[in-house]
Structure formats: C-alpha cells, structure tokens
Amino acid sequence: MKHYLLAGAIGTLAGITVATQFAGPLVAQESGKNASVYEQLDLFGNVFERVRGDYVEQVDDKKLIEAAINGMLTSLDPHSSFLSAKDYDDMQTQTRGSFGGLGIEVGQEDGLVKVISPIDDTPAAEAGVKAGDYITHVNGESLMGLSLDESVEKMRGPVGSEILITILREGEKEPFDLTITRDTIKLTVVKTRIEGHAVVLRVTTFNDETIDTLRTEMAKAIKDAGGIDKVTGFVLDLRNNPGGLLNQAIEVSDAFLDKGEIVSTRGRKPEESERWNAKTGDLAESKPMVVLINGGSASASEIVTGALQDHRRAIVVGTKSFGKGSVQTVMPVTADSAIRLTTARYYTPSGRSIQSLGIQPDIIVEQPAPKPQEEDEAGKPRTQSKFLNSEADLRGALNNDSISDEERKQIEEEAKQVEATAKLREEDYQLAYAVDILKGLAAVDYHAQQVSEAVKPANTGEDSGQGAQAE
C-alpha cells in the first residue's frame, strides 16, 4: 500500500465508481452494538429496494450501490474517496509523472471548487489560474450543488479540446472567464537554476521520480556553479506544490538532514504509529538553505518544510502553507479499484500538527501583484542619455590605479550579479528575497553545523531506530 499526502482531488481524477469487499465475517462480540449495525444495514436494504421499485425512472443497481458507498467515504473528510478502475489507474499514472488534464489540484470549500495549486508549465498555469481561485462554472454551467467528483468530471475532456471556466478571485471585483486547452500533463518534478551563486531547486510534486531527479539535477547544478565551494546556498522552492507520496517527502527531507526525526504519523491504533529518522549525509554539505512556501504548498511539501524548519536547517520564507496534516492510504478493494482512506495524522519533529493551521514562515514575504503594463511604462526612463551620478562620470576624473585588471573584472562581475538579483525582484520577489538571505549568510560564513542542539526539537526520535519506509 502507498501512503499519499494529497491536498485535494487531482483535476484528472473523479471517484464515480465504487466496489468493496469485507475482510472477514462479522462476529457478534457485543450483541447490542452489532444489533444496531445490522438494523442500519437492514435500513439501507429497505431504502435500496424502495428506490429500485418506486423511483420515477428505472435505476441501475450498480450505480445505486456505488453512489451509496461513495457517499459513505466522502462524508468522512474531504480526502477520503473511492477510486474506480479508471480513477485508480489515473492516480498510479499521475504518481509516475504523466497524465491528461488541465494541470490543477482542486478541493472543495463551502460547496465551491477551490484551486489548491496550478502545476508548473501546464495549461492551467499558462492560462493564469492561481492558488486560492474558486471555479464557479464550466462552459457556462454552474458547479454549485455538485460534489467534487462531479465537478472534476465536468472539467475532464479529450486532449486538445477547449474548456471555459469562470473564476472568482480575491481582490477582483467581478468573476471572469478563462479559456484553457486540455493537454497531456508531463510533470517536470524538479527544475534547477542558478541565481548569482545560489542554486534554486524548484520541486513541483512528490511522485516516484522526485528524489532521484532531485539528486541528479542538484549534482548538475553544483557542477555548473563551479563546485560546492562556489555555492552560497540552496533555495528549495515548494510554492504551489500540492503534495504526493509520503515516502518521497521523507527522502527529500533526509537529503538535507544528517540525523533526527523527519516526521511521525499517529493513527487510530497506537501500535500503528510510525516514525522516520534521517540517515547520515547532507547533499547540500551544510550550506545555508531557504525554503519557499505559499498557500499552495500542501501535505508532502509541509512535511519537508516542517522537518527543515524544526531542525533549524533552513529559513522558511513566503506565506502560510495550506495546512493539510493527514495521511491517506490507498487500499485495493478489488483487482482494479481501491479506496483512498484517511488513516493517520502526521506530526513534525517538534511534535506539532499542522492540520488546518499550516506552517508559518520564519519570514513572511508576500508576492506583490504584477503592475499593470501602463505603470511599468510610466516608470521607465524617457531618454537613453546618461547623466552624472558618480565620481566616475565626471570629465577628467582620476583613474583608480590601485587595483589590478583581474580585481576590476571581479568587482564588475559582482556588480552584475547584484543587478541581476535586483532585476529578479521584478520577476519573482520572494525568490529574490531568498537569494539575498543566502548571500547574507555566506558573507558571515554560516554553516548548518553551527546551529546549537539546544534550539533543535526535543523530540528527535534518536532512540527509536530507523522507521520503515512507506511503500
């Protein structure tokens, strides 16, 4: 069985078919309690027969039973659901990194479909869908009154076909429409870039490929930067990362921790509680780290963030995360279908649950709304001519002959990097802020080993041994 940490129903999934099986016969240990259960099952059978016989139209028996079971699961919490044969196959395909759809993770809030996060480089992200948006209509048809699965089904369609969705967005005076062309979604789970001397690791999801891709891309980026000694630090960008596989969240956390607890899970039965600890080895070699999060960072993203924050391994920057602190286990119930059932809550190394609370950044940094184009034009200089702004611009100014050509070249290169970071603020203010933090930490020669054990979590799990990996 696999443990999943998903913020909501994936946009390509819809739990519309249900099958179930009993693990064994019912044994009457508490006659009163069991009698009550049998009475309720009799009630279900009576209602089922009444609907079959008296409903205004003939109904399909299989669909009735499936709807009843699906209703039982979805009444528990927003993340438990049935996976039909197609849905189950879609989920397995998604965790392997390729699937069809719009590229959004959605949930339901007060009867409305809410975007948890758009996935990078997908039709939804390119069309301008944002985390926190509410989808009210699909092709002009209202989604009010529909279940999440029914709403998701409305958004499904052939690759290449267009869909018109109506969006409600905080800060916008009126709803507005977006036209999106459905496509095959191929997830790029890890993307790297170098900003100045900082390595930026953008992790978009936690699927079967995440940790292996992270190791490969990280090694390549370090080489491109000129080696680990040239790297000022690492930015782990988890913004709009909706979650995924628990074991991948553990592996990614472990990649940057040398020891201590990563995460623990506590279920209904105490004996089923689990705890995972880090193994020796830090891919970043104790270089400073910043983790970027926002309201679209959920589940597995929050596990990684919580572990690195509690161990003072990274500074967390951005805005509060989504706040999903529960674990879903996918349990096959027939040869080709399964249920996704919430089986545990997870806790960060310090013992805190982030369920419905989210993770608060160490430094709150909002991403400014993009300026209207007319404002950008208004701020641009109206001439290319250069005016006096330094000693060097004065006619006949003395040259500085105290530095070599090599030193001058280094100063000019450093100036270009500062200018590049300033330009980055216009493109991505939060990322620029993270890069500046790493530059500051590098200036004082900070390393992770310098963090006192006294400020790390008391609950490190050191005595519990290595927890078994979830599969």
Protein backbone atom coordinates (compact mmCIF):
# COMPACT_ATOMS: atom_id res chain seq x y z
CA MET A 1 0.00 0.00 0.00
CA LYS A 2 1.12 3.51 -0.70
CA HIS A 3 0.69 6.46 1.62
CA TYR A 4 -0.39 9.61 -0.14
CA LEU A 5 -0.46 13.18 1.09
CA LEU A 6 -2.75 14.96 -1.35
CA ALA A 7 -4.36 18.32 -0.72
CA GLY A 8 -7.49 17.50 -2.71
CA ALA A 9 -8.77 15.55 -5.65
CA ILE A 10 -6.46 15.83 -8.64
CA GLY A 11 -8.10 17.52 -11.59
CA THR A 12 -7.84 14.36 -13.65
CA LEU A 13 -9.42 12.12 -11.04
CA ALA A 14 -13.08 11.58 -10.20
CA GLY A 15 -14.39 8.95 -7.79
CA ILE A 16 -17.51 7.81 -9.59
CA THR A 17 -17.41 4.02 -9.34
CA VAL A 18 -17.22 2.06 -6.12
CA ALA A 19 -16.67 -1.54 -5.19
CA THR A 20 -15.88 -3.00 -1.79
CA GLN A 21 -15.20 -6.23 0.00
CA PHE A 22 -15.35 -7.42 3.59
CA ALA A 23 -12.13 -8.64 5.14
CA GLY A 24 -13.95 -11.35 7.11
CA PRO A 25 -17.27 -12.37 8.68
CA LEU A 26 -18.86 -10.21 11.33
CA VAL A 27 -18.56 -11.70 14.80
CA ALA A 28 -21.11 -10.74 17.44
CA GLN A 29 -18.84 -9.74 20.32
CA GLU A 30 -21.09 -7.00 21.61
CA SER A 31 -24.61 -8.08 20.82
CA GLY A 32 -26.20 -4.70 21.44
CA LYS A 33 -23.73 -2.86 19.27
CA ASN A 34 -23.87 -5.41 16.45
CA ALA A 35 -27.64 -5.47 16.57
CA SER A 36 -27.61 -1.75 15.93
CA VAL A 37 -25.27 -2.22 12.98
CA TYR A 38 -27.49 -4.93 11.49
CA GLU A 39 -30.52 -2.69 11.95
CA GLN A 40 -28.80 0.07 10.00
CA LEU A 41 -27.83 -2.37 7.25
CA ASP A 42 -31.46 -3.51 7.13
CA LEU A 43 -32.45 0.15 6.81
CA PHE A 44 -30.08 0.53 3.87
CA GLY A 45 -31.53 -2.58 2.23
CA ASN A 46 -35.09 -1.33 2.70
CA VAL A 47 -34.31 2.07 1.19
CA PHE A 48 -32.42 0.42 -1.66
CA GLU A 49 -35.41 -1.78 -2.52
CA ARG A 50 -37.82 1.14 -2.25
CA VAL A 51 -35.75 3.20 -4.69
CA ARG A 52 -35.42 0.28 -7.10
CA GLY A 53 -39.15 -0.33 -7.10
CA ASP A 54 -40.73 3.11 -6.81
CA TYR A 55 -38.36 5.74 -8.26
CA VAL A 56 -39.89 7.61 -11.18
CA GLU A 57 -37.36 6.12 -13.60
CA GLN A 58 -35.65 2.73 -13.70
CA VAL A 59 -32.30 2.89 -11.96
CA ASP A 60 -29.09 0.93 -12.33
CA ASP A 61 -28.47 -1.24 -9.25
CA LYS A 62 -24.71 -0.99 -9.56
CA LYS A 63 -24.77 2.79 -9.72
CA LEU A 64 -27.02 2.98 -6.67
CA ILE A 65 -24.68 0.88 -4.55
CA GLU A 66 -21.62 2.72 -5.84
CA ALA A 67 -23.19 6.08 -5.01
CA ALA A 68 -24.06 4.88 -1.50
CA ILE A 69 -20.54 3.67 -0.78
CA ASN A 70 -19.01 6.79 -2.29
CA GLY A 71 -21.27 8.88 -0.09
CA MET A 72 -20.08 6.97 2.97
CA LEU A 73 -16.43 7.71 2.16
CA THR A 74 -16.80 11.33 1.15
CA SER A 75 -18.82 12.07 4.30
CA LEU A 76 -15.77 11.26 6.44
CA ASP A 77 -13.47 14.07 5.28
CA PRO A 78 -12.53 15.91 2.06
CA HIS A 79 -9.72 13.49 1.22
CA SER A 80 -11.30 10.04 1.56
CA SER A 81 -12.87 8.72 -1.63
CA PHE A 82 -13.41 5.72 -3.85
CA LEU A 83 -11.19 5.10 -6.86
CA SER A 84 -12.86 3.30 -9.71
CA ALA A 85 -10.77 1.24 -12.10
CA LYS A 86 -10.14 4.28 -14.28
CA ASP A 87 -9.52 6.63 -11.35
CA TYR A 88 -7.15 4.14 -9.74
CA ASP A 89 -5.20 3.81 -12.96
CA ASP A 90 -5.13 7.61 -13.33
CA MET A 91 -3.69 8.01 -9.83
CA GLN A 92 -0.96 5.46 -10.49
CA THR A 93 -0.17 7.18 -13.79
CA GLN A 94 -0.01 10.55 -12.07
CA THR A 95 2.46 9.33 -9.47
CA ARG A 96 4.62 8.14 -12.36
CA GLY A 97 4.65 11.68 -13.75
CA SER A 98 2.38 11.89 -16.82
CA PHE A 99 -1.39 12.31 -17.15
CA GLY A 100 -4.04 14.22 -19.06
CA GLY A 101 -5.97 17.27 -17.93
CA LEU A 102 -5.74 20.97 -17.10
CA GLY A 103 -2.92 20.78 -14.56
CA ILE A 104 -4.66 21.91 -11.37
CA GLU A 105 -5.09 20.45 -7.92
CA VAL A 106 -8.55 21.20 -6.55
CA GLY A 107 -10.54 20.76 -3.36
CA GLN A 108 -13.97 21.83 -2.17
CA GLU A 109 -14.73 24.60 0.31
CA ASP A 110 -18.25 25.61 1.34
CA GLY A 111 -19.65 23.91 -1.74
CA LEU A 112 -17.27 25.71 -4.11
CA VAL A 113 -14.43 24.18 -6.10
CA LYS A 114 -11.20 25.77 -4.85
CA VAL A 115 -7.86 25.65 -6.65
CA ILE A 116 -5.23 24.34 -4.26
CA SER A 117 -2.47 24.96 -6.77
CA PRO A 118 -1.82 25.09 -10.50
CA ILE A 119 1.01 22.83 -11.66
CA ASP A 120 4.00 24.49 -13.32
CA ASP A 121 4.10 24.61 -17.13
CA THR A 122 0.58 23.24 -17.58
CA PRO A 123 -2.40 24.70 -19.47
CA ALA A 124 -3.98 25.99 -16.25
CA ALA A 125 -0.80 27.75 -15.08
CA GLU A 126 -0.22 29.28 -18.51
CA ALA A 127 -3.83 30.50 -18.63
CA GLY A 128 -3.31 32.35 -15.34
CA VAL A 129 -5.11 30.12 -12.81
CA LYS A 130 -3.84 30.85 -9.29
CA ALA A 131 -3.88 29.08 -5.93
CA GLY A 132 -6.94 30.20 -3.99
CA ASP A 133 -9.11 30.77 -7.06
CA TYR A 134 -12.68 29.44 -6.98
CA ILE A 135 -14.10 27.78 -10.09
CA THR A 136 -17.83 28.52 -10.24
CA HIS A 137 -18.83 27.49 -13.78
CA VAL A 138 -17.58 25.17 -16.51
CA ASN A 139 -18.63 26.09 -20.04
CA GLY A 140 -21.30 28.34 -18.52
CA GLU A 141 -22.77 25.58 -16.33
CA SER A 142 -22.78 26.22 -12.58
CA LEU A 143 -20.91 23.79 -10.31
CA MET A 144 -22.97 24.73 -7.25
CA GLY A 145 -24.66 21.70 -5.73
CA LEU A 146 -22.29 19.21 -7.36
CA SER A 147 -19.88 17.01 -5.45
CA LEU A 148 -16.16 17.50 -6.01
CA ASP A 149 -16.02 14.36 -8.15
CA GLU A 150 -18.92 15.57 -10.28
CA SER A 151 -17.28 18.97 -10.70
CA VAL A 152 -13.99 17.36 -11.70
CA GLU A 153 -15.81 15.21 -14.23
CA LYS A 154 -17.17 18.38 -15.85
CA MET A 155 -13.62 19.61 -16.32
CA ARG A 156 -12.41 16.43 -17.98
CA GLY A 157 -12.30 16.01 -21.75
CA PRO A 158 -10.19 14.97 -24.72
CA VAL A 159 -6.67 16.30 -25.06
CA GLY A 160 -6.72 19.32 -27.39
CA SER A 161 -10.29 20.34 -26.56
CA GLU A 162 -11.10 23.74 -25.04
CA ILE A 163 -12.86 24.44 -21.76
CA LEU A 164 -14.22 27.74 -20.46
CA ILE A 165 -14.03 28.15 -16.68
CA THR A 166 -15.38 31.02 -14.60
CA ILE A 167 -13.12 32.22 -11.80
CA LEU A 168 -13.81 34.05 -8.54
CA ARG A 169 -10.61 35.61 -7.21
CA GLU A 170 -9.96 37.58 -4.05
CA GLY A 171 -9.23 41.19 -4.94
CA GLU A 172 -11.16 41.05 -8.21
CA LYS A 173 -14.44 42.93 -8.30
CA GLU A 174 -16.18 40.54 -10.70
CA PRO A 175 -15.92 36.91 -11.83
CA PHE A 176 -14.03 36.40 -15.08
CA ASP A 177 -13.65 33.66 -17.69
CA LEU A 178 -10.53 31.77 -18.72
CA THR A 179 -10.31 29.56 -21.79
CA ILE A 180 -7.96 26.58 -21.36
CA THR A 181 -6.95 23.92 -23.86
CA ARG A 182 -6.67 20.49 -22.30
CA ASP A 183 -3.34 18.74 -22.78
CA THR A 184 -1.29 15.77 -21.69
CA ILE A 185 0.43 16.83 -18.49
CA LYS A 186 4.04 15.74 -18.25
CA LEU A 187 5.34 16.78 -14.87
CA THR A 188 8.83 18.18 -14.58
CA VAL A 189 9.23 17.26 -10.95
CA VAL A 190 12.46 19.18 -10.31
CA LYS A 191 13.85 22.20 -12.11
CA THR A 192 17.10 23.92 -11.22
CA ARG A 193 18.59 27.32 -11.93
CA ILE A 194 21.49 29.37 -10.63
CA GLU A 195 20.88 32.87 -9.30
CA GLY A 196 24.16 34.58 -8.51
CA HIS A 197 25.93 31.77 -6.64
CA ALA A 198 22.73 30.30 -5.17
CA VAL A 199 21.27 27.05 -6.51
CA VAL A 200 17.47 27.15 -6.82
CA LEU A 201 15.71 23.76 -6.60
CA ARG A 202 12.10 24.02 -7.78
CA VAL A 203 10.17 20.88 -6.72
CA THR A 204 6.68 20.78 -8.24
CA THR A 205 5.31 17.50 -6.87
CA PHE A 206 6.26 14.38 -4.92
CA ASN A 207 5.92 11.37 -7.19
CA ASP A 208 8.01 8.26 -7.83
CA GLU A 209 10.64 10.30 -9.68
CA THR A 210 11.17 13.16 -7.22
CA ILE A 211 14.15 12.13 -5.07
CA ASP A 212 16.14 10.58 -7.93
CA THR A 213 15.54 13.62 -10.12
CA LEU A 214 16.46 15.95 -7.25
CA ARG A 215 19.80 14.21 -6.74
CA THR A 216 20.61 14.30 -10.47
CA GLU A 217 19.56 17.91 -11.04
CA MET A 218 21.26 19.10 -7.87
CA ALA A 219 24.59 17.49 -8.80
CA LYS A 220 24.39 19.03 -12.25
CA ALA A 221 23.61 22.50 -10.86
CA ILE A 222 26.51 22.32 -8.38
CA LYS A 223 28.86 21.39 -11.22
CA ASP A 224 27.56 24.25 -13.37
CA ALA A 225 28.12 26.64 -10.45
CA GLY A 226 31.79 25.64 -10.29
CA GLY A 227 31.62 23.19 -7.40
CA ILE A 228 30.12 23.19 -3.92
CA ASP A 229 32.71 25.70 -2.65
CA LYS A 230 31.37 28.28 -5.10
CA VAL A 231 27.75 27.82 -3.97
CA THR A 232 26.47 30.31 -1.37
CA GLY A 233 23.48 28.13 -0.53
CA PHE A 234 20.31 26.45 -1.78
CA VAL A 235 16.74 27.65 -2.26
CA LEU A 236 14.18 24.82 -2.06
CA ASP A 237 11.13 26.23 -3.81
CA LEU A 238 7.97 24.36 -2.71
CA ARG A 239 5.45 27.04 -3.66
CA ASN A 240 2.27 25.63 -5.21
CA ASN A 241 3.48 22.07 -4.60
CA PRO A 242 0.28 20.17 -3.67
CA GLY A 243 1.92 17.06 -2.20
CA GLY A 244 2.14 13.44 -3.29
CA LEU A 245 3.86 10.38 -1.85
CA LEU A 246 4.84 10.23 1.80
CA ASN A 247 8.00 8.23 1.18
CA GLN A 248 9.22 10.85 -1.28
CA ALA A 249 8.66 13.64 1.24
CA ILE A 250 10.74 11.64 3.74
CA GLU A 251 13.51 11.05 1.20
CA VAL A 252 13.70 14.71 0.21
CA SER A 253 13.84 15.79 3.85
CA ASP A 254 16.53 13.20 4.54
CA ALA A 255 18.59 14.58 1.64
CA PHE A 256 19.30 17.72 3.70
CA LEU A 257 19.38 16.31 7.24
CA ASP A 258 22.15 14.33 8.96
CA LYS A 259 20.13 12.98 11.87
CA GLY A 260 16.97 13.33 13.92
CA GLU A 261 13.29 12.75 13.29
CA ILE A 262 11.76 13.73 9.98
CA VAL A 263 8.07 13.03 10.61
CA SER A 264 5.81 10.80 12.66
CA THR A 265 2.31 9.54 11.97
CA ARG A 266 -0.33 8.64 14.54
CA GLY A 267 -3.42 6.70 13.59
CA ARG A 268 -6.42 5.33 15.40
CA LYS A 269 -4.43 2.48 16.93
CA PRO A 270 -1.31 3.41 18.94
CA GLU A 271 0.55 0.35 17.68
CA GLU A 272 0.23 1.59 14.10
CA SER A 273 2.07 4.85 14.81
CA GLU A 274 5.28 5.27 12.82
CA ARG A 275 8.31 7.50 12.94
CA TRP A 276 11.01 8.14 10.35
CA ASN A 277 14.52 9.37 11.14
CA ALA A 278 17.19 10.90 8.93
CA LYS A 279 20.27 8.97 7.85
CA THR A 280 23.75 10.43 7.75
CA GLY A 281 24.51 12.55 4.70
CA ASP A 282 23.56 16.06 3.58
CA LEU A 283 23.52 16.66 -0.18
CA ALA A 284 23.95 20.39 0.46
CA GLU A 285 27.00 19.78 2.67
CA SER A 286 25.66 22.07 5.42
CA LYS A 287 25.41 25.07 3.10
CA PRO A 288 22.68 27.55 4.11
CA MET A 289 19.16 26.82 2.89
CA VAL A 290 15.96 28.77 2.36
CA VAL A 291 12.60 27.05 1.79
CA LEU A 292 9.95 29.00 -0.13
CA ILE A 293 6.27 28.20 0.58
CA ASN A 294 2.84 29.73 -0.02
CA GLY A 295 -0.83 28.84 0.31
CA GLY A 296 -0.48 26.25 -2.46
CA SER A 297 2.18 24.28 -0.54
CA ALA A 298 0.40 21.29 0.98
CA SER A 299 0.88 17.89 2.60
CA ALA A 300 4.22 16.41 1.49
CA SER A 301 5.54 19.95 0.96
CA GLU A 302 4.60 20.77 4.53
CA ILE A 303 6.34 17.65 5.85
CA VAL A 304 9.61 18.70 4.20
CA THR A 305 9.22 22.31 5.32
CA GLY A 306 8.33 21.34 8.88
CA ALA A 307 11.30 18.98 9.19
CA LEU A 308 13.84 21.50 7.89
CA GLN A 309 12.31 24.33 9.94
CA ASP A 310 12.18 22.37 13.21
CA HIS A 311 15.80 21.26 12.88
CA ARG A 312 16.84 24.86 12.05
CA ARG A 313 18.26 23.50 8.81
CA ALA A 314 16.53 26.10 6.66
CA ILE A 315 14.94 29.52 6.92
CA VAL A 316 11.32 29.37 5.73
CA VAL A 317 10.23 32.34 3.63
CA GLY A 318 6.91 33.21 1.96
CA THR A 319 3.34 32.93 3.17
CA LYS A 320 1.46 30.39 5.32
CA SER A 321 1.09 26.93 3.81
CA PHE A 322 -2.18 25.13 3.06
CA GLY A 323 -2.48 23.18 6.31
CA LYS A 324 -3.23 19.57 5.40
CA GLY A 325 -1.82 17.33 8.10
CA SER A 326 -3.41 13.97 7.31
CA VAL A 327 -2.22 10.84 5.55
CA GLN A 328 -4.26 8.91 3.01
CA THR A 329 -3.61 5.21 2.42
CA VAL A 330 -4.68 3.73 -0.90
CA MET A 331 -6.22 0.30 -0.21
CA PRO A 332 -7.15 -2.00 -3.11
CA VAL A 333 -10.62 -3.44 -2.64
CA THR A 334 -10.96 -5.34 -5.92
CA ALA A 335 -8.48 -6.35 -8.60
CA ASP A 336 -8.75 -2.96 -10.31
CA SER A 337 -10.26 -0.49 -7.82
CA ALA A 338 -9.35 0.97 -4.45
CA ILE A 339 -10.36 3.35 -1.69
CA ARG A 340 -8.33 6.32 -0.55
CA LEU A 341 -8.86 6.50 3.20
CA THR A 342 -7.51 8.93 5.78
CA THR A 343 -5.66 6.69 8.22
CA ALA A 344 -3.40 8.98 10.26
CA ARG A 345 -2.30 12.49 11.15
CA TYR A 346 1.33 13.45 10.72
CA TYR A 347 3.48 15.49 13.09
CA THR A 348 6.66 17.49 12.55
CA PRO A 349 9.82 16.65 14.57
CA SER A 350 8.84 19.05 17.37
CA GLY A 351 5.53 17.19 17.74
CA ARG A 352 3.28 19.81 16.14
CA SER A 353 0.37 19.00 13.87
CA ILE A 354 -0.23 21.48 11.07
CA GLN A 355 -3.75 20.21 10.31
CA SER A 356 -5.92 23.23 9.42
CA LEU A 357 -3.15 25.52 10.74
CA GLY A 358 -0.44 25.34 8.10
CA ILE A 359 3.21 26.21 8.57
CA GLN A 360 4.05 29.80 9.37
CA PRO A 361 7.18 31.08 7.61
CA ASP A 362 10.09 32.37 9.68
CA ILE A 363 9.92 35.48 7.49
CA ILE A 364 6.61 36.43 5.88
CA VAL A 365 7.15 37.76 2.37
CA GLU A 366 4.15 38.43 0.17
CA GLN A 367 4.47 38.16 -3.58
CA PRO A 368 3.49 41.59 -4.94
CA ALA A 369 0.75 41.65 -7.56
CA PRO A 370 2.14 42.36 -11.04
CA LYS A 371 2.00 46.00 -12.02
CA PRO A 372 -0.33 46.98 -14.87
CA GLN A 373 1.57 47.49 -18.09
CA GLU A 374 0.84 51.22 -18.14
CA GLU A 375 2.51 51.58 -14.72
CA ASP A 376 5.59 49.76 -15.97
CA GLU A 377 5.79 52.11 -18.91
CA ALA A 378 5.35 55.13 -16.64
CA GLY A 379 8.35 54.10 -14.53
CA LYS A 380 10.75 53.71 -17.47
CA PRO A 381 13.21 56.49 -18.30
CA ARG A 382 12.20 58.61 -21.29
CA THR A 383 15.78 59.01 -22.55
CA GLN A 384 18.78 56.75 -23.04
CA SER A 385 21.23 59.57 -22.41
CA LYS A 386 23.49 59.16 -19.38
CA PHE A 387 23.52 61.83 -16.65
CA LEU A 388 26.07 62.38 -13.88
CA ASN A 389 25.51 60.04 -10.94
CA SER A 390 29.00 59.21 -9.63
CA GLU A 391 32.60 60.42 -9.45
CA ALA A 392 33.46 58.21 -12.42
CA ASP A 393 31.06 60.18 -14.63
CA LEU A 394 32.92 63.47 -14.10
CA ARG A 395 35.00 64.57 -17.08
CA GLY A 396 38.69 64.14 -16.31
CA ALA A 397 38.17 62.16 -13.10
CA LEU A 398 41.22 60.33 -11.75
CA ASN A 399 41.54 56.64 -12.52
CA ASN A 400 41.78 54.08 -9.72
CA ASP A 401 45.20 52.55 -10.34
CA SER A 402 45.33 50.68 -7.03
CA ILE A 403 43.53 47.58 -8.33
CA SER A 404 44.56 45.10 -10.97
CA ASP A 405 42.60 44.31 -14.11
CA GLU A 406 41.64 40.98 -12.56
CA GLU A 407 40.31 42.67 -9.42
CA ARG A 408 38.41 45.19 -11.52
CA LYS A 409 36.86 42.38 -13.53
CA GLN A 410 35.79 40.64 -10.29
CA ILE A 411 34.19 43.85 -8.97
CA GLU A 412 32.32 44.32 -12.25
CA GLU A 413 31.13 40.69 -12.15
CA GLU A 414 29.86 41.08 -8.59
CA ALA A 415 28.06 44.28 -9.60
CA LYS A 416 26.36 42.41 -12.44
CA GLN A 417 25.16 39.74 -10.00
CA VAL A 418 23.69 42.38 -7.68
CA GLU A 419 21.93 43.98 -10.65
CA ALA A 420 20.62 40.58 -11.71
CA THR A 421 19.14 39.99 -8.24
CA ALA A 422 17.54 43.44 -8.34
CA LYS A 423 16.01 42.57 -11.71
CA LEU A 424 14.82 39.24 -10.27
CA ARG A 425 12.74 41.18 -7.72
CA GLU A 426 10.51 42.36 -10.57
CA GLU A 427 10.09 38.79 -11.85
CA ASP A 428 9.84 36.90 -8.52
CA TYR A 429 10.15 38.99 -5.36
CA GLN A 430 10.02 36.03 -2.95
CA LEU A 431 12.81 34.19 -4.77
CA ALA A 432 14.96 37.32 -4.87
CA TYR A 433 14.44 37.71 -1.12
CA ALA A 434 15.60 34.11 -0.58
CA VAL A 435 18.72 34.66 -2.71
CA ASP A 436 19.56 37.79 -0.71
CA ILE A 437 19.27 35.83 2.56
CA LEU A 438 21.74 33.21 1.29
CA LYS A 439 24.12 35.94 0.19
CA GLY A 440 23.98 37.45 3.66
CA LEU A 441 24.58 34.09 5.37
CA ALA A 442 27.52 33.40 3.04
CA ALA A 443 29.01 36.78 3.97
CA VAL A 444 29.29 35.66 7.61
CA ASP A 445 30.42 32.14 6.60
CA TYR A 446 27.39 30.40 8.12
CA HIS A 447 27.05 26.60 8.04
CA ALA A 448 24.30 24.33 9.37
CA GLN A 449 26.65 22.64 11.86
CA GLN A 450 26.82 25.92 13.76
CA VAL A 451 23.18 25.59 14.90
CA SER A 452 23.09 24.71 18.60
CA GLU A 453 21.47 21.41 19.52
CA ALA A 454 19.62 23.29 22.26
CA VAL A 455 17.40 25.08 19.73
CA LYS A 456 16.54 21.94 17.80
CA PRO A 457 13.44 19.84 18.58
CA ALA A 458 13.49 17.87 21.82
CA ASN A 459 11.57 15.10 20.08
CA THR A 460 14.26 13.90 17.69
CA GLY A 461 13.37 10.22 17.60
CA GLU A 462 17.02 9.29 18.05
CA ASP A 463 16.24 6.34 20.30
CA SER A 464 13.53 4.81 18.20
CA GLY A 465 15.68 3.44 15.42
CA GLN A 466 15.06 3.87 11.73
CA GLY A 467 11.37 3.73 10.86
CA ALA A 468 10.21 1.55 7.98
CA GLN A 469 9.65 3.34 4.70
CA ALA A 470 6.07 3.55 3.43
CA GLU A 471 5.51 1.77 0.15
